[in-house]
Amino acid sequence: MLAYFGYPRAHDDDAERAVRAGMTLVRAIAKLDSGTGERWRVRVGVATGSPIALPTCRFRQKFDEHVRDKAHPLA
């Protein structure tokens, strides 16, 4: 799963929101019962980078290309 914080509307605390969401996800997955006795595990990474400025939805394709080129290799 790949999540973006600050798109399409940025907030001053986007980095904190990302970290909190990741921590919540880790805690929630740890509580799940796989039914096999095995515990579910998940890892979360948070990366920061240059902001992406896309003023209108007609630039959606450009955003998708940026995501494919920049964010997916990190994930």
N, C-alpha and C. Protein backbone atom coordinates (compact mmCIF):
# COMPACT_ATOMS: atom_id res chain seq x y z
N MET A 1 0.84 -1.14 0.00
CA MET A 1 0.00 0.00 0.00
C MET A 1 0.90 1.22 0.00
N LEU A 2 0.47 2.23 -0.72
CA LEU A 2 1.22 3.47 -0.80
C LEU A 2 0.26 4.61 -0.49
N ALA A 3 0.60 5.44 0.49
CA ALA A 3 -0.28 6.54 0.89
C ALA A 3 0.47 7.86 0.76
N TYR A 4 -0.24 8.88 0.36
CA TYR A 4 0.34 10.21 0.22
C TYR A 4 -0.31 11.15 1.21
N PHE A 5 0.50 11.86 1.95
CA PHE A 5 0.00 12.87 2.88
C PHE A 5 0.41 14.23 2.32
N GLY A 6 -0.54 15.13 2.28
CA GLY A 6 -0.27 16.45 1.73
C GLY A 6 -0.73 16.60 0.30
N TYR A 7 -1.37 15.57 -0.25
CA TYR A 7 -1.91 15.64 -1.60
C TYR A 7 -3.37 15.24 -1.56
N PRO A 8 -4.27 15.97 -2.08
CA PRO A 8 -4.08 17.17 -2.88
C PRO A 8 -4.02 18.45 -2.05
N ARG A 9 -4.21 18.35 -0.75
CA ARG A 9 -4.17 19.56 0.10
C ARG A 9 -3.12 19.34 1.19
N ALA A 10 -2.18 20.26 1.27
CA ALA A 10 -1.10 20.14 2.26
C ALA A 10 -1.53 20.70 3.61
N HIS A 11 -0.96 20.10 4.65
CA HIS A 11 -1.16 20.56 6.02
C HIS A 11 0.21 20.71 6.67
N ASP A 12 0.32 21.56 7.65
CA ASP A 12 1.60 21.78 8.32
C ASP A 12 2.11 20.51 9.01
N ASP A 13 1.19 19.63 9.39
CA ASP A 13 1.59 18.44 10.14
C ASP A 13 1.48 17.16 9.32
N ASP A 14 1.66 17.23 8.00
CA ASP A 14 1.54 16.04 7.16
C ASP A 14 2.54 14.95 7.55
N ALA A 15 3.76 15.33 7.88
CA ALA A 15 4.76 14.32 8.27
C ALA A 15 4.32 13.61 9.55
N GLU A 16 3.83 14.36 10.52
CA GLU A 16 3.35 13.75 11.76
C GLU A 16 2.15 12.85 11.49
N ARG A 17 1.25 13.28 10.62
CA ARG A 17 0.09 12.46 10.26
C ARG A 17 0.53 11.14 9.64
N ALA A 18 1.54 11.21 8.79
CA ALA A 18 2.04 9.99 8.14
C ALA A 18 2.61 9.02 9.16
N VAL A 19 3.41 9.53 10.09
CA VAL A 19 4.01 8.67 11.12
C VAL A 19 2.93 8.08 12.02
N ARG A 20 1.98 8.88 12.43
CA ARG A 20 0.89 8.39 13.29
C ARG A 20 0.06 7.32 12.56
N ALA A 21 -0.23 7.54 11.29
CA ALA A 21 -0.99 6.55 10.52
C ALA A 21 -0.21 5.24 10.42
N GLY A 22 1.09 5.33 10.20
CA GLY A 22 1.92 4.13 10.13
C GLY A 22 1.94 3.37 11.45
N MET A 23 2.07 4.09 12.55
CA MET A 23 2.07 3.45 13.86
C MET A 23 0.72 2.79 14.16
N THR A 24 -0.35 3.46 13.76
CA THR A 24 -1.69 2.89 13.96
C THR A 24 -1.85 1.62 13.14
N LEU A 25 -1.35 1.62 11.92
CA LEU A 25 -1.42 0.44 11.07
C LEU A 25 -0.66 -0.73 11.68
N VAL A 26 0.54 -0.48 12.17
CA VAL A 26 1.34 -1.55 12.79
C VAL A 26 0.60 -2.15 13.99
N ARG A 27 0.03 -1.30 14.84
CA ARG A 27 -0.71 -1.80 16.02
C ARG A 27 -1.94 -2.59 15.60
N ALA A 28 -2.65 -2.11 14.59
CA ALA A 28 -3.88 -2.79 14.15
C ALA A 28 -3.57 -4.15 13.55
N ILE A 29 -2.54 -4.24 12.73
CA ILE A 29 -2.17 -5.52 12.10
C ILE A 29 -1.72 -6.52 13.16
N ALA A 30 -1.00 -6.06 14.17
CA ALA A 30 -0.52 -6.94 15.24
C ALA A 30 -1.67 -7.59 16.00
N LYS A 31 -2.83 -6.96 16.01
CA LYS A 31 -3.99 -7.50 16.74
C LYS A 31 -4.78 -8.51 15.92
N LEU A 32 -4.52 -8.60 14.62
CA LEU A 32 -5.30 -9.50 13.77
C LEU A 32 -4.96 -10.96 14.05
N ASP A 33 -5.95 -11.80 13.91
CA ASP A 33 -5.77 -13.25 14.07
C ASP A 33 -5.75 -13.88 12.68
N SER A 34 -4.65 -14.51 12.32
CA SER A 34 -4.53 -15.11 11.00
C SER A 34 -5.30 -16.42 10.90
N GLY A 35 -5.66 -16.99 12.04
CA GLY A 35 -6.37 -18.26 12.05
C GLY A 35 -5.43 -19.46 11.96
N THR A 36 -4.15 -19.22 11.81
CA THR A 36 -3.17 -20.31 11.68
C THR A 36 -2.21 -20.35 12.85
N GLY A 37 -2.36 -19.44 13.78
CA GLY A 37 -1.42 -19.36 14.89
C GLY A 37 -0.24 -18.45 14.59
N GLU A 38 -0.05 -18.13 13.34
CA GLU A 38 1.01 -17.20 12.95
C GLU A 38 0.54 -15.77 13.19
N ARG A 39 1.46 -14.91 13.52
CA ARG A 39 1.11 -13.50 13.71
C ARG A 39 1.34 -12.75 12.40
N TRP A 40 0.45 -11.85 12.11
CA TRP A 40 0.60 -10.98 10.94
C TRP A 40 1.61 -9.91 11.30
N ARG A 41 2.43 -9.53 10.34
CA ARG A 41 3.41 -8.48 10.56
C ARG A 41 3.37 -7.50 9.39
N VAL A 42 3.70 -6.29 9.69
CA VAL A 42 3.75 -5.26 8.66
C VAL A 42 4.89 -4.31 9.00
N ARG A 43 5.51 -3.76 7.97
CA ARG A 43 6.54 -2.75 8.17
C ARG A 43 6.06 -1.47 7.48
N VAL A 44 6.46 -0.36 8.05
CA VAL A 44 6.07 0.93 7.52
C VAL A 44 7.31 1.78 7.32
N GLY A 45 7.36 2.47 6.21
CA GLY A 45 8.44 3.41 5.95
C GLY A 45 7.84 4.76 5.59
N VAL A 46 8.47 5.81 6.01
CA VAL A 46 8.02 7.16 5.69
C VAL A 46 9.18 7.86 4.99
N ALA A 47 8.89 8.37 3.80
CA ALA A 47 9.91 9.09 3.05
C ALA A 47 9.41 10.50 2.76
N THR A 48 10.33 11.42 2.77
CA THR A 48 9.97 12.80 2.44
C THR A 48 10.69 13.20 1.17
N GLY A 49 10.18 14.20 0.53
CA GLY A 49 10.82 14.65 -0.70
C GLY A 49 10.29 16.00 -1.11
N SER A 50 10.64 16.37 -2.31
CA SER A 50 10.19 17.65 -2.85
C SER A 50 8.68 17.66 -3.00
N PRO A 51 8.06 18.78 -2.70
CA PRO A 51 6.61 18.87 -2.88
C PRO A 51 6.24 18.81 -4.36
N ILE A 52 5.07 18.29 -4.62
CA ILE A 52 4.54 18.21 -5.97
C ILE A 52 3.43 19.25 -6.08
N ALA A 53 3.55 20.18 -6.98
CA ALA A 53 2.52 21.21 -7.14
C ALA A 53 1.72 20.91 -8.40
N LEU A 54 0.46 20.54 -8.22
CA LEU A 54 -0.43 20.24 -9.33
C LEU A 54 -1.71 21.06 -9.15
N PRO A 55 -1.84 22.16 -9.86
CA PRO A 55 -2.95 23.08 -9.60
C PRO A 55 -4.33 22.57 -9.98
N THR A 56 -4.44 21.69 -10.97
CA THR A 56 -5.76 21.19 -11.36
C THR A 56 -5.70 19.71 -11.66
N CYS A 57 -6.87 19.09 -11.74
CA CYS A 57 -6.93 17.65 -11.96
C CYS A 57 -6.44 17.25 -13.35
N ARG A 58 -6.33 18.19 -14.30
CA ARG A 58 -5.85 17.81 -15.63
C ARG A 58 -4.39 17.37 -15.58
N PHE A 59 -3.72 17.62 -14.47
CA PHE A 59 -2.34 17.20 -14.31
C PHE A 59 -2.23 15.83 -13.63
N ARG A 60 -3.35 15.14 -13.50
CA ARG A 60 -3.37 13.84 -12.83
C ARG A 60 -2.37 12.87 -13.46
N GLN A 61 -2.30 12.83 -14.78
CA GLN A 61 -1.38 11.92 -15.45
C GLN A 61 0.06 12.22 -15.04
N LYS A 62 0.41 13.50 -14.95
CA LYS A 62 1.76 13.88 -14.56
C LYS A 62 2.05 13.42 -13.12
N PHE A 63 1.07 13.54 -12.24
CA PHE A 63 1.24 13.07 -10.87
C PHE A 63 1.46 11.56 -10.87
N ASP A 64 0.64 10.83 -11.62
CA ASP A 64 0.78 9.37 -11.69
C ASP A 64 2.16 8.97 -12.20
N GLU A 65 2.67 9.70 -13.20
CA GLU A 65 4.00 9.41 -13.73
C GLU A 65 5.07 9.67 -12.67
N HIS A 66 4.92 10.76 -11.92
CA HIS A 66 5.88 11.08 -10.87
C HIS A 66 5.88 9.98 -9.80
N VAL A 67 4.71 9.54 -9.43
CA VAL A 67 4.58 8.48 -8.43
C VAL A 67 5.27 7.23 -8.91
N ARG A 68 5.01 6.86 -10.14
CA ARG A 68 5.60 5.64 -10.69
C ARG A 68 7.13 5.77 -10.74
N ASP A 69 7.63 6.94 -11.09
CA ASP A 69 9.07 7.12 -11.25
C ASP A 69 9.80 7.33 -9.93
N LYS A 70 9.15 7.97 -8.95
CA LYS A 70 9.84 8.38 -7.72
C LYS A 70 9.47 7.55 -6.50
N ALA A 71 8.18 7.36 -6.27
CA ALA A 71 7.74 6.75 -5.01
C ALA A 71 7.78 5.23 -5.04
N HIS A 72 7.40 4.61 -6.12
CA HIS A 72 7.35 3.14 -6.15
C HIS A 72 8.71 2.50 -5.87
N PRO A 73 9.81 3.00 -6.42
CA PRO A 73 11.10 2.38 -6.07
C PRO A 73 11.38 2.42 -4.57
N LEU A 74 10.92 3.47 -3.88
CA LEU A 74 11.12 3.53 -2.43
C LEU A 74 10.30 2.47 -1.73
N ALA A 75 9.07 2.27 -2.19
CA ALA A 75 8.18 1.30 -1.56
C ALA A 75 8.71 -0.08 -1.76
